[in-house]
Amino acid sequence: IINSVLRQAPSLEYLVPAEHVVAKMEEMNLKPTAHIQTMFINFHFMQPSPDLDAIGLLVEKFTRQKLHRDHIFWDRVIEGYSALSESDRALQAVRQCTKENCRPGYYALEQLVRALVRNGEVTLAKELVEDVGMDRGGPIHADIRGKEGQHDFWNCAESLGLFTGEQEEKWAALGRRDL
């Protein structure tokens, strides 16, 4: 019901019926799933003029309620903030995702790297690429399939000049490959 209402919703007024369904769920002691939380986040980011304060409050509410979230939820938050060049908020989402023991996807990380560079925060972009390299390993050979978005992330980082051959050697020495 929530998905149907929010997908067809042309404006914020359609949020009321979806929130009513969640209120009824809570009366029945049912918590919003990660999928439901993601639907609300997507709805807010898809508005013609996304309300950053409302999105921030929603993320805070879900986090405070200690509801289960998955990397898909956090990916949509990171991607949404990155698309709006809100790199500080996107980085906070990466930190929260990591704190909840999940990893942002490569596509979300690529969007964040692009936002950081767009905002002139090249040093932070390099640090993010370094962190990904240390955690997951660096670029993989083009013949290896890898994770979804993995090649695109590393191609983006390379085209933006965000890592060096020296770093790549260090990551390879760690033997980590996110396959």
Protein backbone atom coordinates (compact mmCIF):
# COMPACT_ATOMS: atom_id res chain seq x y z
CA ILE A 1 0.00 0.00 0.00
CA ILE A 2 2.76 2.42 0.99
CA ASN A 3 4.75 1.74 -2.16
CA SER A 4 1.68 2.18 -4.34
CA VAL A 5 0.74 5.48 -2.71
CA LEU A 6 4.24 6.96 -2.78
CA ARG A 7 5.04 5.85 -6.34
CA GLN A 8 1.93 7.56 -7.69
CA ALA A 9 2.29 10.59 -5.46
CA PRO A 10 2.82 13.79 -7.39
CA SER A 11 3.34 15.89 -4.27
CA LEU A 12 3.88 15.88 -0.53
CA GLU A 13 0.13 15.77 0.21
CA TYR A 14 0.24 12.08 -0.69
CA LEU A 15 2.58 11.48 2.19
CA VAL A 16 -0.35 11.64 4.64
CA PRO A 17 -2.01 8.34 3.57
CA ALA A 18 1.35 6.55 3.59
CA GLU A 19 2.14 7.88 7.06
CA HIS A 20 -1.35 6.80 8.16
CA VAL A 21 -0.54 3.21 7.10
CA VAL A 22 2.70 3.33 9.12
CA ALA A 23 0.78 4.68 12.15
CA LYS A 24 -1.67 1.77 11.86
CA MET A 25 1.25 -0.64 11.61
CA GLU A 26 2.76 0.82 14.76
CA GLU A 27 -0.59 0.44 16.57
CA MET A 28 -0.33 -3.25 15.69
CA ASN A 29 3.25 -3.26 17.06
CA LEU A 30 4.73 -3.66 13.58
CA LYS A 31 7.88 -1.68 12.80
CA PRO A 32 8.61 -0.19 9.37
CA THR A 33 10.96 -2.49 7.48
CA ALA A 34 14.12 -1.35 5.76
CA HIS A 35 12.19 -1.45 2.49
CA ILE A 36 9.47 0.85 3.84
CA GLN A 37 12.07 3.28 5.20
CA THR A 38 13.76 3.28 1.79
CA MET A 39 10.44 4.07 0.07
CA PHE A 40 9.99 7.17 2.26
CA ILE A 41 13.57 8.33 1.66
CA ASN A 42 13.19 7.84 -2.11
CA PHE A 43 9.92 9.76 -2.09
CA HIS A 44 11.50 12.76 -0.36
CA PHE A 45 14.56 12.84 -2.60
CA MET A 46 12.37 12.59 -5.73
CA GLN A 47 10.48 15.80 -4.95
CA PRO A 48 11.13 18.73 -7.30
CA SER A 49 12.64 20.66 -4.38
CA PRO A 50 13.72 18.11 -1.77
CA ASP A 51 13.30 19.36 1.79
CA LEU A 52 16.71 18.61 3.32
CA ASP A 53 15.48 19.31 6.83
CA ALA A 54 12.59 16.85 6.45
CA ILE A 55 14.94 14.22 5.02
CA GLY A 56 17.40 14.77 7.85
CA LEU A 57 14.62 14.43 10.43
CA LEU A 58 13.38 11.25 8.78
CA VAL A 59 16.85 9.68 8.76
CA GLU A 60 17.33 10.76 12.37
CA LYS A 61 13.94 9.30 13.35
CA PHE A 62 14.70 5.93 11.75
CA THR A 63 18.15 5.89 13.35
CA ARG A 64 16.83 6.89 16.77
CA GLN A 65 14.14 4.20 16.66
CA LYS A 66 16.86 1.62 16.14
CA LEU A 67 14.93 0.12 13.25
CA HIS A 68 16.72 -2.34 11.03
CA ARG A 69 18.17 -0.70 7.93
CA ASP A 70 20.21 -2.23 5.17
CA HIS A 71 22.85 -0.95 2.80
CA ILE A 72 20.16 -0.19 0.21
CA PHE A 73 18.56 2.35 2.55
CA TRP A 74 21.94 3.98 3.18
CA ASP A 75 22.84 3.85 -0.52
CA ARG A 76 19.69 5.83 -1.37
CA VAL A 77 20.48 8.38 1.36
CA ILE A 78 24.08 8.77 0.15
CA GLU A 79 23.02 8.97 -3.50
CA GLY A 80 20.26 11.47 -2.74
CA TYR A 81 22.47 13.80 -0.75
CA SER A 82 25.27 13.44 -3.31
CA ALA A 83 22.93 14.37 -6.17
CA LEU A 84 22.11 17.55 -4.26
CA SER A 85 25.84 18.20 -3.60
CA GLU A 86 25.24 17.77 0.14
CA SER A 87 28.52 15.95 0.64
CA ASP A 88 28.71 16.56 4.41
CA ARG A 89 25.35 14.85 4.93
CA ALA A 90 26.31 12.06 2.53
CA LEU A 91 29.53 11.47 4.49
CA GLN A 92 27.51 11.34 7.72
CA ALA A 93 25.34 8.67 6.10
CA VAL A 94 28.46 6.68 5.16
CA ARG A 95 29.62 6.87 8.78
CA GLN A 96 26.23 5.77 10.10
CA CYS A 97 26.06 2.92 7.58
CA THR A 98 29.50 1.74 8.70
CA LYS A 99 28.49 2.09 12.35
CA GLU A 100 25.55 -0.22 11.60
CA ASN A 101 27.93 -2.80 10.15
CA CYS A 102 26.94 -2.41 6.53
CA ARG A 103 28.88 -1.17 3.55
CA PRO A 104 27.71 1.42 1.08
CA GLY A 105 27.57 0.14 -2.48
CA TYR A 106 30.08 1.22 -5.08
CA TYR A 107 27.52 3.26 -7.02
CA ALA A 108 26.66 5.32 -3.92
CA LEU A 109 30.36 5.81 -3.20
CA GLU A 110 30.98 6.90 -6.79
CA GLN A 111 28.20 9.49 -6.53
CA LEU A 112 29.72 10.77 -3.29
CA VAL A 113 33.20 11.02 -4.82
CA ARG A 114 31.74 13.01 -7.71
CA ALA A 115 29.89 15.32 -5.29
CA LEU A 116 33.04 15.89 -3.25
CA VAL A 117 35.02 16.82 -6.36
CA ARG A 118 32.16 19.02 -7.62
CA ASN A 119 32.22 20.82 -4.26
CA GLY A 120 35.98 21.33 -4.44
CA GLU A 121 36.61 18.85 -1.62
CA VAL A 122 39.26 16.89 -3.51
CA THR A 123 41.23 16.01 -0.38
CA LEU A 124 38.15 14.38 1.15
CA ALA A 125 37.48 12.56 -2.12
CA LYS A 126 41.04 11.20 -2.08
CA GLU A 127 40.62 10.12 1.55
CA LEU A 128 37.39 8.31 0.69
CA VAL A 129 39.07 6.50 -2.20
CA GLU A 130 41.98 5.60 0.09
CA ASP A 131 39.57 4.24 2.72
CA VAL A 132 37.76 2.13 0.12
CA GLY A 133 41.08 0.83 -1.17
CA MET A 134 42.28 -0.09 2.32
CA ASP A 135 38.98 -1.72 3.24
CA ARG A 136 38.05 -3.50 0.01
CA GLY A 137 41.14 -3.50 -2.14
CA GLY A 138 41.86 -1.35 -5.13
CA PRO A 139 40.83 -1.65 -8.75
CA ILE A 140 40.43 -5.12 -10.20
CA HIS A 141 41.34 -6.33 -13.66
CA ALA A 142 38.75 -5.48 -16.31
CA ASP A 143 38.20 -9.19 -17.04
CA ILE A 144 37.03 -9.84 -13.49
CA ARG A 145 33.34 -9.19 -12.91
CA GLY A 146 33.59 -7.96 -9.30
CA LYS A 147 30.80 -6.28 -7.35
CA GLU A 148 28.11 -4.17 -8.96
CA GLY A 149 29.54 -0.74 -9.70
CA GLN A 150 33.07 -1.70 -8.64
CA HIS A 151 34.68 -1.05 -12.03
CA ASP A 152 32.75 2.21 -12.45
CA PHE A 153 33.86 3.44 -9.02
CA TRP A 154 37.54 2.78 -9.72
CA ASN A 155 37.33 4.15 -13.26
CA CYS A 156 35.75 7.32 -11.86
CA ALA A 157 38.40 7.64 -9.14
CA GLU A 158 41.17 7.13 -11.68
CA SER A 159 39.71 9.61 -14.18
CA LEU A 160 39.47 12.20 -11.40
CA GLY A 161 43.08 11.55 -10.36
CA LEU A 162 42.15 10.41 -6.86
CA PHE A 163 44.69 7.64 -6.39
CA THR A 164 48.23 6.84 -7.38
CA GLY A 165 50.02 3.73 -8.54
CA GLU A 166 51.78 3.73 -5.17
CA GLN A 167 48.46 3.38 -3.37
CA GLU A 168 47.36 0.67 -5.77
CA GLU A 169 50.49 -1.33 -4.94
CA LYS A 170 49.81 -0.93 -1.23
CA TRP A 171 46.22 -2.13 -1.62
CA ALA A 172 47.36 -5.09 -3.71
CA ALA A 173 49.91 -6.00 -1.03
CA LEU A 174 47.07 -6.24 1.48
CA GLY A 175 45.59 -8.94 -0.71
CA ARG A 176 42.07 -7.56 -0.39
CA ARG A 177 39.72 -7.83 -3.31
CA ASP A 178 36.05 -7.12 -2.87
CA LEU A 179 34.76 -9.93 -5.07
